[in-house]
């Protein structure tokens, strides 16, 4: 009989359930998810956006830079904080959807999720 961190005769520590696996592909890229996250909460911190999207803060910063360089958003300094403001009426980048504005995508995800 050995003493475990749980005490004597408690048995082994329970195993943690594995995190659900991410699907191999999704309909929206991480760039799209970051854009939607900023649209939902322009005051969100980088770590909040990263957690919502499921990526690292470093990846989030790179995506925000990509979106800023492409004209989809711009940085606004507020004291020591940085927030991001969307540029309205920008078009999708893919040739098949270039005639559509991203405002429609943002509007689609702006409201509450439909109930099942």
PDB file of N, CA and C in Angstrom:
ATOM      1  N   UNK A   1       0.841  -1.173   0.000  1.00  0.00           N
ATOM      2  CA  UNK A   1       0.000   0.000   0.000  1.00  0.00           C
ATOM      3  C   UNK A   1       0.885   1.235   0.000  1.00  0.00           C
ATOM      4  N   UNK A   2       0.632   2.136  -0.944  1.00  0.00           N
ATOM      5  CA  UNK A   2       1.412   3.358  -1.038  1.00  0.00           C
ATOM      6  C   UNK A   2       0.502   4.544  -0.835  1.00  0.00           C
ATOM      7  N   UNK A   3       1.097   5.591  -0.371  1.00  0.00           N
ATOM      8  CA  UNK A   3       0.342   6.826  -0.201  1.00  0.00           C
ATOM      9  C   UNK A   3       0.444   7.630  -1.485  1.00  0.00           C
ATOM     10  N   UNK A   4      -0.681   7.918  -2.097  1.00  0.00           N
ATOM     11  CA  UNK A   4      -0.704   8.760  -3.286  1.00  0.00           C
ATOM     12  C   UNK A   4      -1.047  10.178  -2.849  1.00  0.00           C
ATOM     13  N   UNK A   5      -0.949  11.153  -3.726  1.00  0.00           N
ATOM     14  CA  UNK A   5      -1.315  12.515  -3.348  1.00  0.00           C
ATOM     15  C   UNK A   5      -2.755  12.612  -2.867  1.00  0.00           C
ATOM     16  N   UNK A   6      -3.582  11.629  -3.230  1.00  0.00           N
ATOM     17  CA  UNK A   6      -4.971  11.648  -2.804  1.00  0.00           C
ATOM     18  C   UNK A   6      -5.140  11.015  -1.427  1.00  0.00           C
ATOM     19  N   UNK A   7      -4.116  10.378  -0.921  1.00  0.00           N
ATOM     20  CA  UNK A   7      -4.211   9.730   0.380  1.00  0.00           C
ATOM     21  C   UNK A   7      -4.089   8.235   0.211  1.00  0.00           C
ATOM     22  N   UNK A   8      -3.977   7.502   1.326  1.00  0.00           N
ATOM     23  CA  UNK A   8      -3.838   6.054   1.238  1.00  0.00           C
ATOM     24  C   UNK A   8      -5.107   5.396   0.718  1.00  0.00           C
ATOM     25  N   UNK A   9      -4.907   4.353  -0.065  1.00  0.00           N
ATOM     26  CA  UNK A   9      -5.999   3.526  -0.581  1.00  0.00           C
ATOM     27  C   UNK A   9      -7.006   4.288  -1.432  1.00  0.00           C
ATOM     28  N   UNK A  10      -6.610   5.413  -2.012  1.00  0.00           N
ATOM     29  CA  UNK A  10      -7.517   6.172  -2.881  1.00  0.00           C
ATOM     30  C   UNK A  10      -7.425   5.709  -4.328  1.00  0.00           C
ATOM     31  N   UNK A  11      -6.423   4.926  -4.660  1.00  0.00           N
ATOM     32  CA  UNK A  11      -6.249   4.476  -6.036  1.00  0.00           C
ATOM     33  C   UNK A  11      -5.530   5.512  -6.859  1.00  0.00           C
ATOM     34  N   UNK A  12      -5.321   5.220  -8.130  1.00  0.00           N
ATOM     35  CA  UNK A  12      -4.599   6.171  -8.987  1.00  0.00           C
ATOM     36  C   UNK A  12      -5.440   7.415  -9.250  1.00  0.00           C
ATOM     37  N   UNK A  13      -4.735   8.477  -9.621  1.00  0.00           N
ATOM     38  CA  UNK A  13      -5.435   9.714  -9.955  1.00  0.00           C
ATOM     39  C   UNK A  13      -6.272   9.487 -11.206  1.00  0.00           C
ATOM     40  N   UNK A  14      -7.458  10.109 -11.284  1.00  0.00           N
ATOM     41  CA  UNK A  14      -8.292   9.934 -12.484  1.00  0.00           C
ATOM     42  C   UNK A  14      -7.614  10.541 -13.698  1.00  0.00           C
ATOM     43  N   UNK A  15      -7.811   9.930 -14.838  1.00  0.00           N
ATOM     44  CA  UNK A  15      -7.255  10.442 -16.086  1.00  0.00           C
ATOM     45  C   UNK A  15      -8.132  11.575 -16.594  1.00  0.00           C
ATOM     46  N   UNK A  16      -7.511  12.597 -17.145  1.00  0.00           N
ATOM     47  CA  UNK A  16      -8.255  13.695 -17.734  1.00  0.00           C
ATOM     48  C   UNK A  16      -8.771  13.267 -19.096  1.00  0.00           C
ATOM     49  N   UNK A  17      -9.953  13.694 -19.403  1.00  0.00           N
ATOM     50  CA  UNK A  17     -10.521  13.387 -20.716  1.00  0.00           C
ATOM     51  C   UNK A  17      -9.721  14.139 -21.770  1.00  0.00           C
ATOM     52  N   UNK A  18      -9.398  13.507 -22.893  1.00  0.00           N
ATOM     53  CA  UNK A  18      -8.640  14.220 -23.932  1.00  0.00           C
ATOM     54  C   UNK A  18      -9.467  15.351 -24.514  1.00  0.00           C
ATOM     55  N   UNK A  19      -8.774  16.409 -24.904  1.00  0.00           N
ATOM     56  CA  UNK A  19      -9.460  17.538 -25.531  1.00  0.00           C
ATOM     57  C   UNK A  19     -10.050  17.070 -26.855  1.00  0.00           C
ATOM     58  N   UNK A  20     -11.215  17.584 -27.198  1.00  0.00           N
ATOM     59  CA  UNK A  20     -11.797  17.175 -28.477  1.00  0.00           C
ATOM     60  C   UNK A  20     -10.875  17.566 -29.622  1.00  0.00           C
ATOM     61  N   UNK A  21     -10.726  16.676 -30.561  1.00  0.00           N
ATOM     62  CA  UNK A  21      -9.849  16.927 -31.705  1.00  0.00           C
ATOM     63  C   UNK A  21     -10.474  17.986 -32.610  1.00  0.00           C
ATOM     64  N   UNK A  22      -9.625  18.850 -33.141  1.00  0.00           N
ATOM     65  CA  UNK A  22     -10.114  19.833 -34.096  1.00  0.00           C
ATOM     66  C   UNK A  22     -10.321  19.143 -35.430  1.00  0.00           C
ATOM     67  N   UNK A  23     -11.352  19.513 -36.147  1.00  0.00           N
ATOM     68  CA  UNK A  23     -11.565  18.899 -37.462  1.00  0.00           C
ATOM     69  C   UNK A  23     -10.422  19.258 -38.403  1.00  0.00           C
ATOM     70  N   UNK A  24     -10.176  18.422 -39.407  1.00  0.00           N
ATOM     71  CA  UNK A  24      -9.051  18.687 -40.309  1.00  0.00           C
ATOM     72  C   UNK A  24      -9.249  19.934 -41.173  1.00  0.00           C
ATOM     73  N   UNK A  25     -10.485  20.385 -41.338  1.00  0.00           N
ATOM     74  CA  UNK A  25     -10.730  21.616 -42.086  1.00  0.00           C
ATOM     75  C   UNK A  25     -12.020  22.248 -41.592  1.00  0.00           C
ATOM     76  N   UNK A  26     -12.167  23.531 -41.839  1.00  0.00           N
ATOM     77  CA  UNK A  26     -13.389  24.254 -41.475  1.00  0.00           C
ATOM     78  C   UNK A  26     -13.760  25.170 -42.632  1.00  0.00           C
ATOM     79  N   UNK A  27     -14.971  25.692 -42.600  1.00  0.00           N
ATOM     80  CA  UNK A  27     -15.416  26.584 -43.665  1.00  0.00           C
ATOM     81  C   UNK A  27     -14.768  27.966 -43.557  1.00  0.00           C
ATOM     82  N   UNK A  28     -14.417  28.386 -42.351  1.00  0.00           N
ATOM     83  CA  UNK A  28     -13.771  29.682 -42.162  1.00  0.00           C
ATOM     84  C   UNK A  28     -12.330  29.473 -41.725  1.00  0.00           C
ATOM     85  N   UNK A  29     -11.444  30.281 -42.251  1.00  0.00           N
ATOM     86  CA  UNK A  29     -10.032  30.215 -41.864  1.00  0.00           C
ATOM     87  C   UNK A  29      -9.847  30.911 -40.521  1.00  0.00           C
ATOM     88  N   UNK A  30      -8.656  30.781 -39.964  1.00  0.00           N
ATOM     89  CA  UNK A  30      -8.347  31.510 -38.735  1.00  0.00           C
ATOM     90  C   UNK A  30      -8.424  33.015 -38.967  1.00  0.00           C
ATOM     91  N   UNK A  31      -8.081  33.471 -40.172  1.00  0.00           N
ATOM     92  CA  UNK A  31      -8.207  34.894 -40.483  1.00  0.00           C
ATOM     93  C   UNK A  31      -9.669  35.327 -40.361  1.00  0.00           C
ATOM     94  N   UNK A  32     -10.567  34.508 -40.882  1.00  0.00           N
ATOM     95  CA  UNK A  32     -11.991  34.823 -40.772  1.00  0.00           C
ATOM     96  C   UNK A  32     -12.461  34.836 -39.331  1.00  0.00           C
ATOM     97  N   UNK A  33     -12.000  33.878 -38.550  1.00  0.00           N
ATOM     98  CA  UNK A  33     -12.404  33.825 -37.148  1.00  0.00           C
ATOM     99  C   UNK A  33     -11.862  35.010 -36.354  1.00  0.00           C
ATOM    100  N   UNK A  34     -10.633  35.432 -36.631  1.00  0.00           N
ATOM    101  CA  UNK A  34     -10.079  36.606 -35.951  1.00  0.00           C
ATOM    102  C   UNK A  34     -10.879  37.844 -36.343  1.00  0.00           C
ATOM    103  N   UNK A  35     -11.193  37.997 -37.616  1.00  0.00           N
ATOM    104  CA  UNK A  35     -11.991  39.131 -38.078  1.00  0.00           C
ATOM    105  C   UNK A  35     -13.337  39.166 -37.370  1.00  0.00           C
ATOM    106  N   UNK A  36     -14.006  38.015 -37.282  1.00  0.00           N
ATOM    107  CA  UNK A  36     -15.299  37.953 -36.607  1.00  0.00           C
ATOM    108  C   UNK A  36     -15.169  38.230 -35.118  1.00  0.00           C
ATOM    109  N   UNK A  37     -14.075  37.808 -34.520  1.00  0.00           N
ATOM    110  CA  UNK A  37     -13.848  38.057 -33.098  1.00  0.00           C
ATOM    111  C   UNK A  37     -13.679  39.548 -32.832  1.00  0.00           C
ATOM    112  N   UNK A  38     -12.927  40.227 -33.699  1.00  0.00           N
ATOM    113  CA  UNK A  38     -12.756  41.672 -33.555  1.00  0.00           C
ATOM    114  C   UNK A  38     -14.093  42.374 -33.775  1.00  0.00           C
ATOM    115  N   UNK A  39     -14.869  41.911 -34.747  1.00  0.00           N
ATOM    116  CA  UNK A  39     -16.183  42.517 -35.003  1.00  0.00           C
ATOM    117  C   UNK A  39     -17.092  42.355 -33.790  1.00  0.00           C
ATOM    118  N   UNK A  40     -17.012  41.217 -33.125  1.00  0.00           N
ATOM    119  CA  UNK A  40     -17.869  40.952 -31.972  1.00  0.00           C
ATOM    120  C   UNK A  40     -17.442  41.753 -30.746  1.00  0.00           C
ATOM    121  N   UNK A  41     -16.128  41.995 -30.615  1.00  0.00           N
ATOM    122  CA  UNK A  41     -15.631  42.710 -29.439  1.00  0.00           C
ATOM    123  C   UNK A  41     -14.346  43.460 -29.785  1.00  0.00           C
ATOM    124  N   UNK A  42     -14.464  44.706 -30.273  1.00  0.00           N
ATOM    125  CA  UNK A  42     -13.276  45.472 -30.643  1.00  0.00           C
ATOM    126  C   UNK A  42     -12.347  45.764 -29.465  1.00  0.00           C
ATOM    127  N   UNK A  43     -12.846  45.645 -28.244  1.00  0.00           N
ATOM    128  CA  UNK A  43     -12.037  45.894 -27.047  1.00  0.00           C
ATOM    129  C   UNK A  43     -11.282  44.654 -26.583  1.00  0.00           C
ATOM    130  N   UNK A  44     -11.498  43.514 -27.229  1.00  0.00           N
ATOM    131  CA  UNK A  44     -10.896  42.249 -26.791  1.00  0.00           C
ATOM    132  C   UNK A  44      -9.383  42.327 -26.834  1.00  0.00           C
ATOM    133  N   UNK A  45      -8.756  41.693 -25.858  1.00  0.00           N
ATOM    134  CA  UNK A  45      -7.298  41.598 -25.832  1.00  0.00           C
ATOM    135  C   UNK A  45      -6.854  40.474 -26.761  1.00  0.00           C
ATOM    136  N   UNK A  46      -5.588  40.524 -27.122  1.00  0.00           N
ATOM    137  CA  UNK A  46      -5.021  39.507 -28.011  1.00  0.00           C
ATOM    138  C   UNK A  46      -5.247  38.112 -27.434  1.00  0.00           C
ATOM    139  N   UNK A  47      -5.020  37.962 -26.141  1.00  0.00           N
ATOM    140  CA  UNK A  47      -5.189  36.640 -25.517  1.00  0.00           C
ATOM    141  C   UNK A  47      -6.640  36.185 -25.572  1.00  0.00           C
ATOM    142  N   UNK A  48      -7.583  37.125 -25.468  1.00  0.00           N
ATOM    143  CA  UNK A  48      -9.004  36.771 -25.563  1.00  0.00           C
ATOM    144  C   UNK A  48      -9.356  36.303 -26.974  1.00  0.00           C
ATOM    145  N   UNK A  49      -8.849  37.021 -27.963  1.00  0.00           N
ATOM    146  CA  UNK A  49      -9.098  36.638 -29.359  1.00  0.00           C
ATOM    147  C   UNK A  49      -8.484  35.272 -29.635  1.00  0.00           C
ATOM    148  N   UNK A  50      -7.233  35.083 -29.189  1.00  0.00           N
ATOM    149  CA  UNK A  50      -6.544  33.810 -29.405  1.00  0.00           C
ATOM    150  C   UNK A  50      -7.320  32.655 -28.781  1.00  0.00           C
ATOM    151  N   UNK A  51      -7.809  32.851 -27.570  1.00  0.00           N
ATOM    152  CA  UNK A  51      -8.564  31.789 -26.897  1.00  0.00           C
ATOM    153  C   UNK A  51      -9.864  31.487 -27.630  1.00  0.00           C
ATOM    154  N   UNK A  52     -10.536  32.522 -28.102  1.00  0.00           N
ATOM    155  CA  UNK A  52     -11.799  32.323 -28.821  1.00  0.00           C
ATOM    156  C   UNK A  52     -11.589  31.551 -30.119  1.00  0.00           C
ATOM    157  N   UNK A  53     -10.500  31.872 -30.821  1.00  0.00           N
ATOM    158  CA  UNK A  53     -10.222  31.245 -32.114  1.00  0.00           C
ATOM    159  C   UNK A  53      -9.559  29.876 -31.943  1.00  0.00           C
ATOM    160  N   UNK A  54      -8.817  29.712 -30.844  1.00  0.00           N
ATOM    161  CA  UNK A  54      -8.128  28.445 -30.606  1.00  0.00           C
ATOM    162  C   UNK A  54      -6.734  28.421 -31.202  1.00  0.00           C
ATOM    163  N   UNK A  55      -6.090  29.596 -31.219  1.00  0.00           N
ATOM    164  CA  UNK A  55      -4.731  29.709 -31.751  1.00  0.00           C
ATOM    165  C   UNK A  55      -3.869  30.433 -30.718  1.00  0.00           C
ATOM    166  N   UNK A  56      -2.582  30.537 -30.985  1.00  0.00           N
ATOM    167  CA  UNK A  56      -1.679  31.198 -30.052  1.00  0.00           C
ATOM    168  C   UNK A  56      -1.786  32.713 -30.186  1.00  0.00           C
ATOM    169  N   UNK A  57      -1.416  33.448 -29.131  1.00  0.00           N
ATOM    170  CA  UNK A  57      -1.388  34.908 -29.252  1.00  0.00           C
ATOM    171  C   UNK A  57      -0.446  35.388 -30.356  1.00  0.00           C
ATOM    172  N   UNK A  58       0.657  34.694 -30.554  1.00  0.00           N
ATOM    173  CA  UNK A  58       1.588  35.081 -31.626  1.00  0.00           C
ATOM    174  C   UNK A  58       0.921  34.945 -32.993  1.00  0.00           C
ATOM    175  N   UNK A  59       0.197  33.848 -33.217  1.00  0.00           N
ATOM    176  CA  UNK A  59      -0.536  33.667 -34.473  1.00  0.00           C
ATOM    177  C   UNK A  59      -1.601  34.740 -34.631  1.00  0.00           C
ATOM    178  N   UNK A  60      -2.253  35.070 -33.536  1.00  0.00           N
ATOM    179  CA  UNK A  60      -3.288  36.104 -33.563  1.00  0.00           C
ATOM    180  C   UNK A  60      -2.692  37.442 -33.990  1.00  0.00           C
ATOM    181  N   UNK A  61      -1.549  37.796 -33.427  1.00  0.00           N
ATOM    182  CA  UNK A  61      -0.889  39.045 -33.811  1.00  0.00           C
ATOM    183  C   UNK A  61      -0.529  39.058 -35.290  1.00  0.00           C
ATOM    184  N   UNK A  62      -0.042  37.942 -35.808  1.00  0.00           N
ATOM    185  CA  UNK A  62       0.320  37.871 -37.230  1.00  0.00           C
ATOM    186  C   UNK A  62      -0.926  38.025 -38.106  1.00  0.00           C
ATOM    187  N   UNK A  63      -2.010  37.385 -37.717  1.00  0.00           N
ATOM    188  CA  UNK A  63      -3.252  37.499 -38.489  1.00  0.00           C
ATOM    189  C   UNK A  63      -3.779  38.930 -38.440  1.00  0.00           C
ATOM    190  N   UNK A  64      -3.736  39.562 -37.270  1.00  0.00           N
ATOM    191  CA  UNK A  64      -4.177  40.957 -37.166  1.00  0.00           C
ATOM    192  C   UNK A  64      -3.324  41.852 -38.067  1.00  0.00           C
ATOM    193  N   UNK A  65      -2.026  41.583 -38.134  1.00  0.00           N
ATOM    194  CA  UNK A  65      -1.144  42.342 -39.022  1.00  0.00           C
ATOM    195  C   UNK A  65      -1.526  42.109 -40.483  1.00  0.00           C
ATOM    196  N   UNK A  66      -1.792  40.844 -40.841  1.00  0.00           N
ATOM    197  CA  UNK A  66      -2.227  40.531 -42.209  1.00  0.00           C
ATOM    198  C   UNK A  66      -3.504  41.294 -42.554  1.00  0.00           C
ATOM    199  N   UNK A  67      -4.473  41.280 -41.642  1.00  0.00           N
ATOM    200  CA  UNK A  67      -5.754  41.947 -41.885  1.00  0.00           C
ATOM    201  C   UNK A  67      -5.576  43.461 -41.978  1.00  0.00           C
ATOM    202  N   UNK A  68      -4.679  43.997 -41.157  1.00  0.00           N
ATOM    203  CA  UNK A  68      -4.408  45.432 -41.217  1.00  0.00           C
ATOM    204  C   UNK A  68      -3.705  45.792 -42.529  1.00  0.00           C
ATOM    205  N   UNK A  69      -2.703  45.017 -42.912  1.00  0.00           N
ATOM    206  CA  UNK A  69      -1.977  45.278 -44.161  1.00  0.00           C
ATOM    207  C   UNK A  69      -2.905  45.201 -45.374  1.00  0.00           C
ATOM    208  N   UNK A  70      -3.911  44.339 -45.314  1.00  0.00           N
ATOM    209  CA  UNK A  70      -4.848  44.176 -46.427  1.00  0.00           C
ATOM    210  C   UNK A  70      -5.991  45.190 -46.383  1.00  0.00           C
ATOM    211  N   UNK A  71      -6.042  46.030 -45.331  1.00  0.00           N
ATOM    212  CA  UNK A  71      -7.049  47.078 -45.259  1.00  0.00           C
ATOM    213  C   UNK A  71      -8.372  46.676 -44.643  1.00  0.00           C
ATOM    214  N   UNK A  72      -8.445  45.522 -43.986  1.00  0.00           N
ATOM    215  CA  UNK A  72      -9.696  45.074 -43.384  1.00  0.00           C
ATOM    216  C   UNK A  72      -9.939  45.682 -42.011  1.00  0.00           C
ATOM    217  N   UNK A  73      -8.891  46.129 -41.358  1.00  0.00           N
ATOM    218  CA  UNK A  73      -9.022  46.774 -40.059  1.00  0.00           C
ATOM    219  C   UNK A  73      -7.832  47.683 -39.832  1.00  0.00           C
ATOM    220  N   UNK A  74      -7.930  48.507 -38.800  1.00  0.00           N
ATOM    221  CA  UNK A  74      -6.799  49.346 -38.416  1.00  0.00           C
ATOM    222  C   UNK A  74      -6.708  49.402 -36.900  1.00  0.00           C
ATOM    223  N   UNK A  75      -5.504  49.662 -36.440  1.00  0.00           N
ATOM    224  CA  UNK A  75      -5.240  49.743 -35.002  1.00  0.00           C
ATOM    225  C   UNK A  75      -5.595  51.124 -34.471  1.00  0.00           C
ATOM    226  N   UNK A  76      -6.136  51.135 -33.269  1.00  0.00           N
ATOM    227  CA  UNK A  76      -6.439  52.377 -32.581  1.00  0.00           C
ATOM    228  C   UNK A  76      -5.824  52.273 -31.186  1.00  0.00           C
ATOM    229  N   UNK A  77      -4.943  53.209 -30.860  1.00  0.00           N
ATOM    230  CA  UNK A  77      -4.335  53.214 -29.530  1.00  0.00           C
ATOM    231  C   UNK A  77      -5.266  53.936 -28.567  1.00  0.00           C
ATOM    232  N   UNK A  78      -5.488  53.326 -27.403  1.00  0.00           N
ATOM    233  CA  UNK A  78      -6.293  53.931 -26.348  1.00  0.00           C
ATOM    234  C   UNK A  78      -5.482  53.795 -25.058  1.00  0.00           C
ATOM    235  N   UNK A  79      -4.662  54.804 -24.774  1.00  0.00           N
ATOM    236  CA  UNK A  79      -3.753  54.699 -23.640  1.00  0.00           C
ATOM    237  C   UNK A  79      -2.699  53.651 -23.938  1.00  0.00           C
ATOM    238  N   UNK A  80      -2.576  52.672 -23.050  1.00  0.00           N
ATOM    239  CA  UNK A  80      -1.609  51.594 -23.264  1.00  0.00           C
ATOM    240  C   UNK A  80      -2.199  50.436 -24.045  1.00  0.00           C
ATOM    241  N   UNK A  81      -3.492  50.470 -24.289  1.00  0.00           N
ATOM    242  CA  UNK A  81      -4.168  49.376 -24.985  1.00  0.00           C
ATOM    243  C   UNK A  81      -4.273  49.668 -26.474  1.00  0.00           C
ATOM    244  N   UNK A  82      -4.332  48.597 -27.222  1.00  0.00           N
ATOM    245  CA  UNK A  82      -4.589  48.686 -28.654  1.00  0.00           C
ATOM    246  C   UNK A  82      -5.917  47.992 -28.916  1.00  0.00           C
ATOM    247  N   UNK A  83      -6.770  48.641 -29.665  1.00  0.00           N
ATOM    248  CA  UNK A  83      -7.993  47.986 -30.114  1.00  0.00           C
ATOM    249  C   UNK A  83      -8.002  48.045 -31.625  1.00  0.00           C
ATOM    250  N   UNK A  84      -8.848  47.264 -32.214  1.00  0.00           N
ATOM    251  CA  UNK A  84      -8.885  47.179 -33.670  1.00  0.00           C
ATOM    252  C   UNK A  84     -10.263  47.598 -34.154  1.00  0.00           C
ATOM    253  N   UNK A  85     -10.290  48.415 -35.180  1.00  0.00           N
ATOM    254  CA  UNK A  85     -11.538  48.884 -35.773  1.00  0.00           C
ATOM    255  C   UNK A  85     -11.624  48.332 -37.189  1.00  0.00           C
ATOM    256  N   UNK A  86     -12.769  47.769 -37.524  1.00  0.00           N
ATOM    257  CA  UNK A  86     -12.974  47.216 -38.864  1.00  0.00           C
ATOM    258  C   UNK A  86     -13.173  48.330 -39.879  1.00  0.00           C
ATOM    259  N   UNK A  87     -12.676  48.095 -41.062  1.00  0.00           N
ATOM    260  CA  UNK A  87     -12.918  48.986 -42.191  1.00  0.00           C
ATOM    261  C   UNK A  87     -14.139  48.447 -42.939  1.00  0.00           C
ATOM    262  N   UNK A  88     -15.200  49.211 -42.998  1.00  0.00           N
ATOM    263  CA  UNK A  88     -16.421  48.705 -43.631  1.00  0.00           C
ATOM    264  C   UNK A  88     -16.285  48.585 -45.152  1.00  0.00           C
ATOM    265  N   UNK A  89     -17.111  47.743 -45.700  1.00  0.00           N
ATOM    266  CA  UNK A  89     -17.286  47.601 -47.150  1.00  0.00           C
ATOM    267  C   UNK A  89     -16.063  47.071 -47.897  1.00  0.00           C
ATOM    268  N   UNK A  90     -15.220  46.309 -47.228  1.00  0.00           N
ATOM    269  CA  UNK A  90     -14.090  45.669 -47.905  1.00  0.00           C
ATOM    270  C   UNK A  90     -14.580  44.391 -48.579  1.00  0.00           C
ATOM    271  N   UNK A  91     -13.970  44.039 -49.669  1.00  0.00           N
ATOM    272  CA  UNK A  91     -14.386  42.872 -50.432  1.00  0.00           C
ATOM    273  C   UNK A  91     -13.547  41.644 -50.070  1.00  0.00           C
ATOM    274  N   UNK A  92     -14.148  40.470 -50.277  1.00  0.00           N
ATOM    275  CA  UNK A  92     -13.415  39.225 -50.070  1.00  0.00           C
ATOM    276  C   UNK A  92     -12.240  39.171 -51.038  1.00  0.00           C
ATOM    277  N   UNK A  93     -11.222  38.421 -50.672  1.00  0.00           N
ATOM    278  CA  UNK A  93     -10.000  38.364 -51.469  1.00  0.00           C
ATOM    279  C   UNK A  93     -10.052  37.325 -52.582  1.00  0.00           C
ATOM    280  N   UNK A  94     -10.804  36.259 -52.397  1.00  0.00           N
ATOM    281  CA  UNK A  94     -10.836  35.192 -53.398  1.00  0.00           C
ATOM    282  C   UNK A  94     -11.587  35.675 -54.640  1.00  0.00           C
ATOM    283  N   UNK A  95     -11.070  35.390 -55.839  1.00  0.00           N
ATOM    284  CA  UNK A  95     -11.732  35.861 -57.063  1.00  0.00           C
ATOM    285  C   UNK A  95     -13.196  35.422 -57.182  1.00  0.00           C
ATOM    286  N   UNK A  96     -13.521  34.255 -56.671  1.00  0.00           N
ATOM    287  CA  UNK A  96     -14.898  33.760 -56.793  1.00  0.00           C
ATOM    288  C   UNK A  96     -15.880  34.549 -55.930  1.00  0.00           C
ATOM    289  N   UNK A  97     -15.384  35.230 -54.896  1.00  0.00           N
ATOM    290  CA  UNK A  97     -16.271  35.975 -53.995  1.00  0.00           C
ATOM    291  C   UNK A  97     -15.879  37.448 -53.891  1.00  0.00           C
ATOM    292  N   UNK A  98     -15.020  37.916 -54.781  1.00  0.00           N
ATOM    293  CA  UNK A  98     -14.497  39.276 -54.703  1.00  0.00           C
ATOM    294  C   UNK A  98     -15.562  40.349 -54.885  1.00  0.00           C
ATOM    295  N   UNK A  99     -16.695  40.009 -55.447  1.00  0.00           N
ATOM    296  CA  UNK A  99     -17.749  41.011 -55.617  1.00  0.00           C
ATOM    297  C   UNK A  99     -18.578  41.196 -54.343  1.00  0.00           C
ATOM    298  N   UNK A 100     -18.374  40.349 -53.357  1.00  0.00           N
ATOM    299  CA  UNK A 100     -19.116  40.422 -52.092  1.00  0.00           C
ATOM    300  C   UNK A 100     -18.304  41.158 -51.040  1.00  0.00           C
ATOM    301  N   UNK A 101     -19.002  41.949 -50.218  1.00  0.00           N
ATOM    302  CA  UNK A 101     -18.349  42.644 -49.108  1.00  0.00           C
ATOM    303  C   UNK A 101     -18.337  41.756 -47.867  1.00  0.00           C
ATOM    304  N   UNK A 102     -17.321  41.926 -47.028  1.00  0.00           N
ATOM    305  CA  UNK A 102     -17.229  41.128 -45.803  1.00  0.00           C
ATOM    306  C   UNK A 102     -18.311  41.510 -44.797  1.00  0.00           C
ATOM    307  N   UNK A 103     -18.957  42.648 -45.014  1.00  0.00           N
ATOM    308  CA  UNK A 103     -20.018  43.086 -44.102  1.00  0.00           C
ATOM    309  C   UNK A 103     -21.115  42.035 -43.986  1.00  0.00           C
ATOM    310  N   UNK A 104     -21.393  41.338 -45.081  1.00  0.00           N
ATOM    311  CA  UNK A 104     -22.418  40.298 -45.046  1.00  0.00           C
ATOM    312  C   UNK A 104     -22.030  39.150 -44.131  1.00  0.00           C
ATOM    313  N   UNK A 105     -20.768  38.763 -44.172  1.00  0.00           N
ATOM    314  CA  UNK A 105     -20.276  37.699 -43.299  1.00  0.00           C
ATOM    315  C   UNK A 105     -20.350  38.135 -41.839  1.00  0.00           C
ATOM    316  N   UNK A 106     -19.911  39.344 -41.578  1.00  0.00           N
ATOM    317  CA  UNK A 106     -19.939  39.862 -40.212  1.00  0.00           C
ATOM    318  C   UNK A 106     -21.378  39.947 -39.719  1.00  0.00           C
ATOM    319  N   UNK A 107     -22.276  40.421 -40.570  1.00  0.00           N
ATOM    320  CA  UNK A 107     -23.688  40.496 -40.192  1.00  0.00           C
ATOM    321  C   UNK A 107     -24.289  39.134 -39.914  1.00  0.00           C
ATOM    322  N   UNK A 108     -23.868  38.140 -40.672  1.00  0.00           N
ATOM    323  CA  UNK A 108     -24.382  36.788 -40.478  1.00  0.00           C
ATOM    324  C   UNK A 108     -24.049  36.257 -39.087  1.00  0.00           C
ATOM    325  N   UNK A 109     -22.853  36.581 -38.588  1.00  0.00           N
ATOM    326  CA  UNK A 109     -22.413  36.080 -37.302  1.00  0.00           C
ATOM    327  C   UNK A 109     -22.593  37.075 -36.173  1.00  0.00           C
ATOM    328  N   UNK A 110     -23.150  38.249 -36.436  1.00  0.00           N
ATOM    329  CA  UNK A 110     -23.273  39.286 -35.416  1.00  0.00           C
ATOM    330  C   UNK A 110     -24.395  38.996 -34.425  1.00  0.00           C
ATOM    331  N   UNK A 111     -25.445  38.381 -34.872  1.00  0.00           N
ATOM    332  CA  UNK A 111     -26.578  38.130 -33.989  1.00  0.00           C
ATOM    333  C   UNK A 111     -26.382  36.881 -33.149  1.00  0.00           C
ATOM    334  N   UNK A 112     -27.356  36.577 -32.336  1.00  0.00           N
ATOM    335  CA  UNK A 112     -27.265  35.350 -31.526  1.00  0.00           C
ATOM    336  C   UNK A 112     -27.318  34.118 -32.425  1.00  0.00           C
ATOM    337  N   UNK A 113     -26.678  33.074 -31.966  1.00  0.00           N
ATOM    338  CA  UNK A 113     -26.673  31.821 -32.734  1.00  0.00           C
ATOM    339  C   UNK A 113     -28.093  31.271 -32.801  1.00  0.00           C
ATOM    340  N   UNK A 114     -28.476  30.742 -33.958  1.00  0.00           N
ATOM    341  CA  UNK A 114     -29.817  30.164 -34.067  1.00  0.00           C
ATOM    342  C   UNK A 114     -29.956  28.966 -33.149  1.00  0.00           C
ATOM    343  N   UNK A 115     -31.151  28.800 -32.583  1.00  0.00           N
ATOM    344  CA  UNK A 115     -31.358  27.652 -31.693  1.00  0.00           C
ATOM    345  C   UNK A 115     -31.547  26.391 -32.515  1.00  0.00           C
ATOM    346  N   UNK A 116     -31.118  25.300 -31.948  1.00  0.00           N
ATOM    347  CA  UNK A 116     -31.202  24.020 -32.666  1.00  0.00           C
ATOM    348  C   UNK A 116     -32.595  23.458 -32.661  1.00  0.00           C
TER     349      UNK A 116
END
